[in-house]
Protein backbone atom coordinates (compact mmCIF):
# COMPACT_ATOMS: atom_id res chain seq x y z
CA MET A 1 -20.17 -6.65 -11.81
CA VAL A 2 -19.16 -3.47 -9.67
CA VAL A 3 -16.58 -3.49 -6.68
CA LEU A 4 -16.40 -0.37 -4.61
CA PHE A 5 -13.34 0.05 -2.43
CA ALA A 6 -12.97 3.27 -0.37
CA GLY A 7 -9.73 2.47 1.47
CA ALA A 8 -6.46 4.40 1.19
CA LEU A 9 -3.27 3.17 -0.57
CA GLY A 10 -2.12 0.67 1.88
CA ASP A 11 -5.63 -0.66 2.18
CA LEU A 12 -5.98 -1.17 -1.55
CA LEU A 13 -2.74 -2.95 -1.79
CA LEU A 14 -3.61 -5.35 0.86
CA ALA A 15 -7.02 -6.04 -0.76
CA LEU A 16 -5.42 -6.81 -4.03
CA PRO A 17 -5.53 -10.68 -3.52
CA ALA A 18 -9.27 -10.61 -2.64
CA LEU A 19 -9.97 -8.23 -5.64
CA ARG A 20 -8.16 -10.69 -7.89
CA VAL A 21 -9.97 -13.67 -6.40
CA LEU A 22 -13.24 -11.84 -7.38
CA ARG A 23 -11.85 -11.20 -10.92
CA ARG A 24 -11.18 -14.87 -11.44
CA ARG A 25 -14.37 -16.09 -9.83
CA HIS A 26 -16.50 -13.93 -12.14
CA GLN A 27 -14.25 -13.95 -15.17
CA ARG A 28 -17.23 -14.08 -17.58
CA GLN A 29 -18.47 -10.80 -16.31
CA ARG A 30 -17.27 -7.34 -16.89
CA LEU A 31 -15.76 -5.97 -13.64
CA VAL A 32 -15.58 -2.19 -12.81
CA LEU A 33 -13.63 -1.19 -9.81
CA GLY A 34 -14.39 2.10 -7.93
CA VAL A 35 -11.61 3.50 -5.81
CA ARG A 36 -10.58 7.06 -4.54
CA ALA A 37 -9.47 9.30 -7.22
CA PRO A 38 -5.61 9.33 -6.43
CA LEU A 39 -5.65 5.51 -6.77
CA VAL A 40 -7.39 5.11 -10.10
CA ALA A 41 -4.12 5.05 -12.09
CA LEU A 42 -2.57 2.50 -9.64
CA ALA A 43 -5.66 0.36 -9.80
CA ARG A 44 -5.41 0.25 -13.55
CA ARG A 45 -1.89 -0.72 -13.39
CA ALA A 46 -2.66 -3.54 -10.91
CA ALA A 47 -4.93 -5.01 -13.70
CA CYS A 48 -7.51 -6.49 -11.32
CA ALA A 49 -10.48 -5.13 -13.08
CA ASP A 50 -11.74 -4.46 -16.68
CA GLY A 51 -12.50 -0.83 -15.80
CA VAL A 52 -11.63 1.47 -12.95
CA ALA A 53 -13.69 4.53 -11.87
CA ALA A 54 -13.24 7.27 -9.21
CA LEU A 55 -15.60 7.25 -6.32
CA ASP A 56 -15.09 10.83 -5.76
CA GLU A 57 -16.73 11.94 -9.05
CA PRO A 58 -19.80 14.02 -9.13
CA SER A 59 -21.94 11.21 -10.66
CA MET A 60 -21.32 9.11 -7.58
CA ALA A 61 -22.56 11.93 -5.34
CA VAL A 62 -25.69 11.98 -7.46
CA LEU A 63 -26.21 8.23 -6.86
CA LEU A 64 -25.49 8.52 -3.11
CA GLY A 65 -27.97 11.54 -2.95
CA GLY A 66 -30.76 9.18 -4.30
CA GLY A 67 -30.46 10.02 -8.06
CA GLY A 68 -29.30 7.91 -10.95
CA ALA A 69 -26.12 5.73 -11.34
CA PRO A 70 -23.09 6.90 -13.12
CA ALA A 71 -22.58 6.19 -16.71
CA TRP A 72 -19.98 3.55 -16.01
CA TRP A 73 -22.36 1.55 -13.69
CA PRO A 74 -24.01 -1.30 -15.57
CA GLU A 75 -27.71 -2.00 -15.13
CA GLN A 76 -28.41 -3.81 -11.84
CA PRO A 77 -25.03 -5.36 -11.48
CA MET A 78 -23.65 -7.78 -8.80
CA LEU A 79 -22.02 -5.40 -6.26
CA TYR A 80 -19.31 -6.02 -3.61
CA SER A 81 -19.04 -2.73 -1.54
CA TRP A 82 -16.15 -1.94 0.93
CA PHE A 83 -18.07 1.36 1.20
CA GLY A 84 -21.16 2.17 3.26
CA ALA A 85 -21.42 -0.83 5.40
CA ASP A 86 -22.21 1.23 8.57
CA ASP A 87 -24.45 3.76 6.80
CA ALA A 88 -28.12 2.61 6.26
CA ASP A 89 -28.88 5.24 3.80
CA VAL A 90 -25.74 4.49 1.57
CA ARG A 91 -26.53 0.87 1.68
CA ARG A 92 -30.22 1.53 0.56
CA ARG A 93 -29.12 3.75 -2.26
CA LEU A 94 -26.45 1.47 -3.33
CA ALA A 95 -28.81 -1.68 -3.20
CA ALA A 96 -31.46 0.13 -5.38
CA HIS A 97 -29.00 0.03 -8.25
CA ALA A 98 -27.84 -3.61 -7.85
CA ALA A 99 -29.31 -7.08 -8.37
CA ASP A 100 -27.17 -8.50 -5.49
CA VAL A 101 -25.13 -6.70 -2.89
CA SER A 102 -22.45 -7.82 -0.43
CA PHE A 103 -21.22 -5.09 2.05
CA LEU A 104 -17.90 -5.41 3.53
CA ARG A 105 -15.68 -3.43 5.70
CA VAL A 106 -12.14 -1.90 5.31
CA GLU A 107 -9.89 -3.65 7.80
CA ARG A 108 -8.94 -1.55 10.81
CA GLY A 109 -7.28 -1.97 14.29
CA GLU A 110 -6.14 -5.37 15.84
CA GLY A 111 -6.87 -8.91 14.85
CA THR A 112 -5.56 -12.36 14.38
CA PRO A 113 -5.25 -12.79 10.57
CA HIS A 114 -3.07 -10.66 8.28
CA ALA A 115 -5.30 -7.93 6.90
CA ALA A 116 -4.80 -9.32 3.23
CA GLY A 117 -6.08 -12.65 4.40
CA ALA A 118 -9.00 -11.20 6.26
CA TYR A 119 -9.80 -9.36 2.99
CA ALA A 120 -9.71 -12.71 1.16
CA ALA A 121 -11.77 -14.54 3.67
CA ALA A 122 -14.52 -11.72 3.46
CA VAL A 123 -15.07 -12.93 -0.13
CA GLY A 124 -15.08 -16.58 0.71
CA VAL A 125 -11.52 -17.95 0.20
CA SER A 126 -8.74 -18.94 2.44
CA LEU A 127 -5.21 -18.18 1.35
CA SER A 128 -1.83 -18.81 2.97
CA TRP A 129 0.89 -16.13 3.06
CA GLU A 130 2.60 -18.05 0.37
CA GLU A 131 -0.42 -17.58 -1.80
CA LEU A 132 -1.32 -13.93 -0.78
CA VAL A 133 2.20 -12.55 -1.78
CA PRO A 134 2.08 -13.23 -5.59
CA LEU A 135 -1.60 -12.00 -5.66
CA GLY A 136 -0.43 -8.69 -4.15
CA ARG A 137 2.10 -7.90 -6.89
CA ILE A 138 1.94 -5.05 -9.32
CA PRO A 139 4.08 -5.48 -12.53
CA HIS A 140 6.22 -2.47 -13.37
CA GLY A 141 8.41 -3.50 -16.13
CA GLU A 142 12.07 -3.95 -16.08
CA GLN A 143 13.73 -2.63 -12.83
CA VAL A 144 16.37 -0.05 -13.49
CA ALA A 145 18.16 -0.30 -10.29
CA THR A 146 21.20 -1.84 -11.95
CA ARG A 147 21.80 0.94 -14.29
CA GLY A 148 23.86 3.90 -12.95
CA VAL A 149 24.02 4.65 -9.19
CA PRO A 150 22.12 2.19 -6.99
CA GLN A 151 19.35 4.21 -5.20
CA LEU A 152 17.95 3.63 -1.67
CA VAL A 153 14.45 5.15 -1.27
CA VAL A 154 13.66 6.08 2.25
CA HIS A 155 10.19 6.85 3.63
CA ARG A 156 10.45 8.26 7.14
CA GLY A 157 6.89 9.20 7.51
CA ALA A 158 3.65 7.41 8.60
CA GLY A 159 0.07 8.21 9.28
CA ALA A 160 0.65 8.61 12.98
CA ALA A 161 3.83 9.92 14.71
CA ALA A 162 3.90 6.86 17.01
CA LYS A 163 4.59 4.61 13.87
CA ARG A 164 7.74 6.60 12.99
CA TRP A 165 11.33 5.13 13.64
CA ASP A 166 13.91 7.39 14.90
CA ALA A 167 15.06 10.11 12.58
CA GLU A 168 18.73 9.48 13.54
CA GLY A 169 18.32 5.78 12.74
CA PHE A 170 17.29 6.79 9.13
CA ALA A 171 20.14 9.13 8.78
CA GLU A 172 22.58 6.59 10.01
CA VAL A 173 21.37 4.00 7.35
CA ALA A 174 21.24 6.72 4.61
CA GLY A 175 24.94 7.74 5.46
CA TRP A 176 26.07 4.01 5.18
CA TRP A 177 24.42 3.68 1.87
CA ARG A 178 26.11 6.75 0.57
CA ALA A 179 29.50 5.66 1.92
CA ARG A 180 29.30 2.69 -0.43
CA GLY A 181 28.53 4.73 -3.45
CA GLY A 182 24.78 4.67 -3.47
CA GLU A 183 22.38 7.55 -3.77
CA VAL A 184 19.59 8.24 -1.32
CA VAL A 185 16.10 9.31 -2.35
CA ASP A 186 14.16 10.94 0.59
CA LEU A 187 10.36 10.45 -0.08
CA LEU A 188 8.35 13.01 1.87
CA GLY A 189 4.62 13.29 1.80
CA PRO A 190 2.05 15.53 3.25
CA ALA A 191 2.29 13.90 6.62
CA GLU A 192 5.99 14.76 6.81
CA GLU A 193 5.72 18.46 6.49
CA SER A 194 7.61 18.93 9.79
CA LEU A 195 10.56 16.67 8.69
CA ALA A 196 13.83 18.35 7.47
CA PRO A 197 15.16 16.68 4.38
CA LEU A 198 18.02 14.11 4.99
CA PRO A 199 21.41 15.45 4.28
CA ASP A 200 22.95 14.70 0.91
CA ALA A 201 19.78 13.02 -0.33
CA ARG A 202 17.62 13.78 -3.38
CA THR A 203 14.45 14.94 -1.87
CA LEU A 204 10.85 14.01 -3.42
CA ARG A 205 8.31 16.08 -1.57
CA ASP A 206 4.55 16.00 -2.20
CA VAL A 207 5.09 14.34 -5.55
CA SER A 208 2.22 12.38 -7.40
CA LEU A 209 1.58 8.68 -6.78
CA ALA A 210 2.90 8.01 -10.28
CA GLU A 211 6.12 9.67 -9.19
CA VAL A 212 6.33 7.55 -6.15
CA VAL A 213 5.82 4.37 -8.23
CA GLU A 214 8.56 5.51 -10.64
CA ALA A 215 11.00 6.19 -7.77
CA LEU A 216 10.34 2.78 -6.09
CA ALA A 217 10.48 0.95 -9.38
CA GLY A 218 14.00 2.29 -10.07
CA ALA A 219 15.17 1.51 -6.57
CA ALA A 220 17.88 -0.97 -5.48
CA ALA A 221 16.29 -1.07 -1.83
CA TYR A 222 13.97 0.66 0.25
CA VAL A 223 13.58 1.41 4.07
CA GLY A 224 10.46 2.80 5.60
CA ASN A 225 7.77 2.62 8.34
CA ASP A 226 4.54 0.89 8.40
CA SER A 227 2.97 3.13 5.71
CA GLY A 228 1.28 3.33 2.24
CA PRO A 229 4.65 3.67 0.47
CA SER A 230 5.89 0.61 2.25
CA HIS A 231 3.08 -1.43 0.97
CA LEU A 232 3.61 0.07 -2.50
CA ALA A 233 7.34 -1.13 -2.36
CA GLY A 234 6.25 -4.60 -1.36
CA ALA A 235 3.65 -4.80 -4.30
CA LEU A 236 6.44 -3.79 -6.69
CA GLY A 237 8.70 -6.46 -5.36
CA ILE A 238 11.40 -4.02 -4.02
CA ALA A 239 13.80 -5.45 -1.39
CA GLY A 240 14.53 -3.83 1.81
CA VAL A 241 13.34 -3.14 5.45
CA VAL A 242 9.99 -2.10 6.93
CA LEU A 243 10.03 -0.90 10.60
CA PHE A 244 7.28 -1.45 12.99
CA GLY A 245 6.51 -0.14 16.42
CA PRO A 246 2.95 -0.32 17.92
CA THR A 247 1.29 -1.73 14.96
CA ASP A 248 1.57 -5.64 14.55
CA PRO A 249 3.44 -6.88 11.47
CA ALA A 250 1.68 -10.09 11.72
CA ARG A 251 -1.44 -8.41 10.68
CA TRP A 252 -0.08 -5.33 8.76
CA ARG A 253 3.26 -6.17 7.06
CA PRO A 254 3.43 -5.53 3.25
CA LEU A 255 2.68 -8.55 1.05
CA SER A 256 6.26 -9.28 0.21
CA ALA A 257 8.85 -11.84 0.56
CA ARG A 258 11.66 -9.37 -0.19
CA LEU A 259 10.96 -6.77 2.57
CA ASP A 260 12.60 -7.63 5.92
CA VAL A 261 10.51 -6.65 9.06
CA ARG A 262 11.99 -5.27 12.13
CA ARG A 263 9.86 -4.50 15.22
CA ALA A 264 10.60 -2.41 18.18
CA PRO A 265 10.03 -3.89 21.56
CA ALA A 266 6.97 -2.50 23.47
CA ASP A 267 9.19 -0.58 25.95
CA ALA A 268 10.67 1.51 23.04
CA TRP A 269 7.28 2.73 21.75
CA MET A 270 6.66 6.54 22.48
CA PRO A 271 3.99 8.90 21.31
CA ASP A 272 6.30 10.55 18.87
CA GLY A 273 7.87 7.29 17.58
CA PHE A 274 10.19 4.52 18.50
CA ARG A 275 13.96 4.40 19.11
CA LEU A 276 14.75 0.67 18.27
CA PRO A 277 15.72 -1.38 16.50
CA PRO A 278 19.36 -0.07 16.15
CA ALA A 279 20.54 1.27 12.81
CA ARG A 280 23.05 -1.45 12.69
CA ASP A 281 20.41 -4.07 12.56
CA VAL A 282 18.71 -2.31 9.52
CA VAL A 283 22.14 -2.17 7.84
CA ARG A 284 22.68 -5.90 8.34
CA SER A 285 19.26 -6.61 6.75
CA LEU A 286 20.28 -4.40 3.56
CA ALA A 287 23.80 -5.80 3.47
CA ARG A 288 22.27 -9.45 3.06
CA GLY A 289 20.29 -8.41 0.05
CA ALA A 290 21.58 -9.45 -3.36
CA TYR A 291 20.47 -5.86 -4.50
CA LEU A 292 23.77 -4.76 -2.92
CA ASP A 293 25.89 -6.53 -5.66
CA THR A 294 25.77 -3.24 -7.49
CA LEU A 295 27.23 -1.15 -4.76
């Protein structure tokens, strides 16, 4: 059995419940999951497949060009593909190497159900929020946040500027955490090149996904926007706050019962980000968390 998933980090994490449903449904078959190369190690860690392969590797280009299948591709498998649904040539070439094919689409835009529920529905199962959350977890071993100085990981970026909370709000929350004896880790990726580092914070800029996992797994708390790292914090079970502006948390919030959601009202949305909620509301959410016992 082969499952192809071409989405980005947040997409993959929201699709985890659906992938685990497929794993359980076809437990007598060997399941190989194909994802983007940067996500291979994380997909292996998630343990939702027997094998994980990179969709970016040259052998996949050969298959899509009309040639043979990669070495890891079993002969005429059952195929679920979140890749190529809108491209007739890709559908035809993938179908030539499968006994049975289901083409699905990566969730995008507005909609009524939570994206994770929509992924699950696409493979034929209806799951409540309470059922989705545990299926979206990724084990990371013993949490180390209680050893040494408690760390707050902050991710101020997002794929679009309109999805970013006010920089002053992040700075105020970070200052509050430091004033209580904690350390702040400022997580900056390629989309945040224009952001200056937070004062008095340990900066992680353009690090690998494995290093992001390590930083989050060692965190006492997390604060971030609607972004891939926020979904990763949720999957790892880290407590904290996720901030939403124009995107709807009813559809896109991370799969977590430990991440509080704060959404700005529509009149606070701007092309370059949103100004609300106030930092004091985020601080209150953090202060209510049991993870502050270490501060």
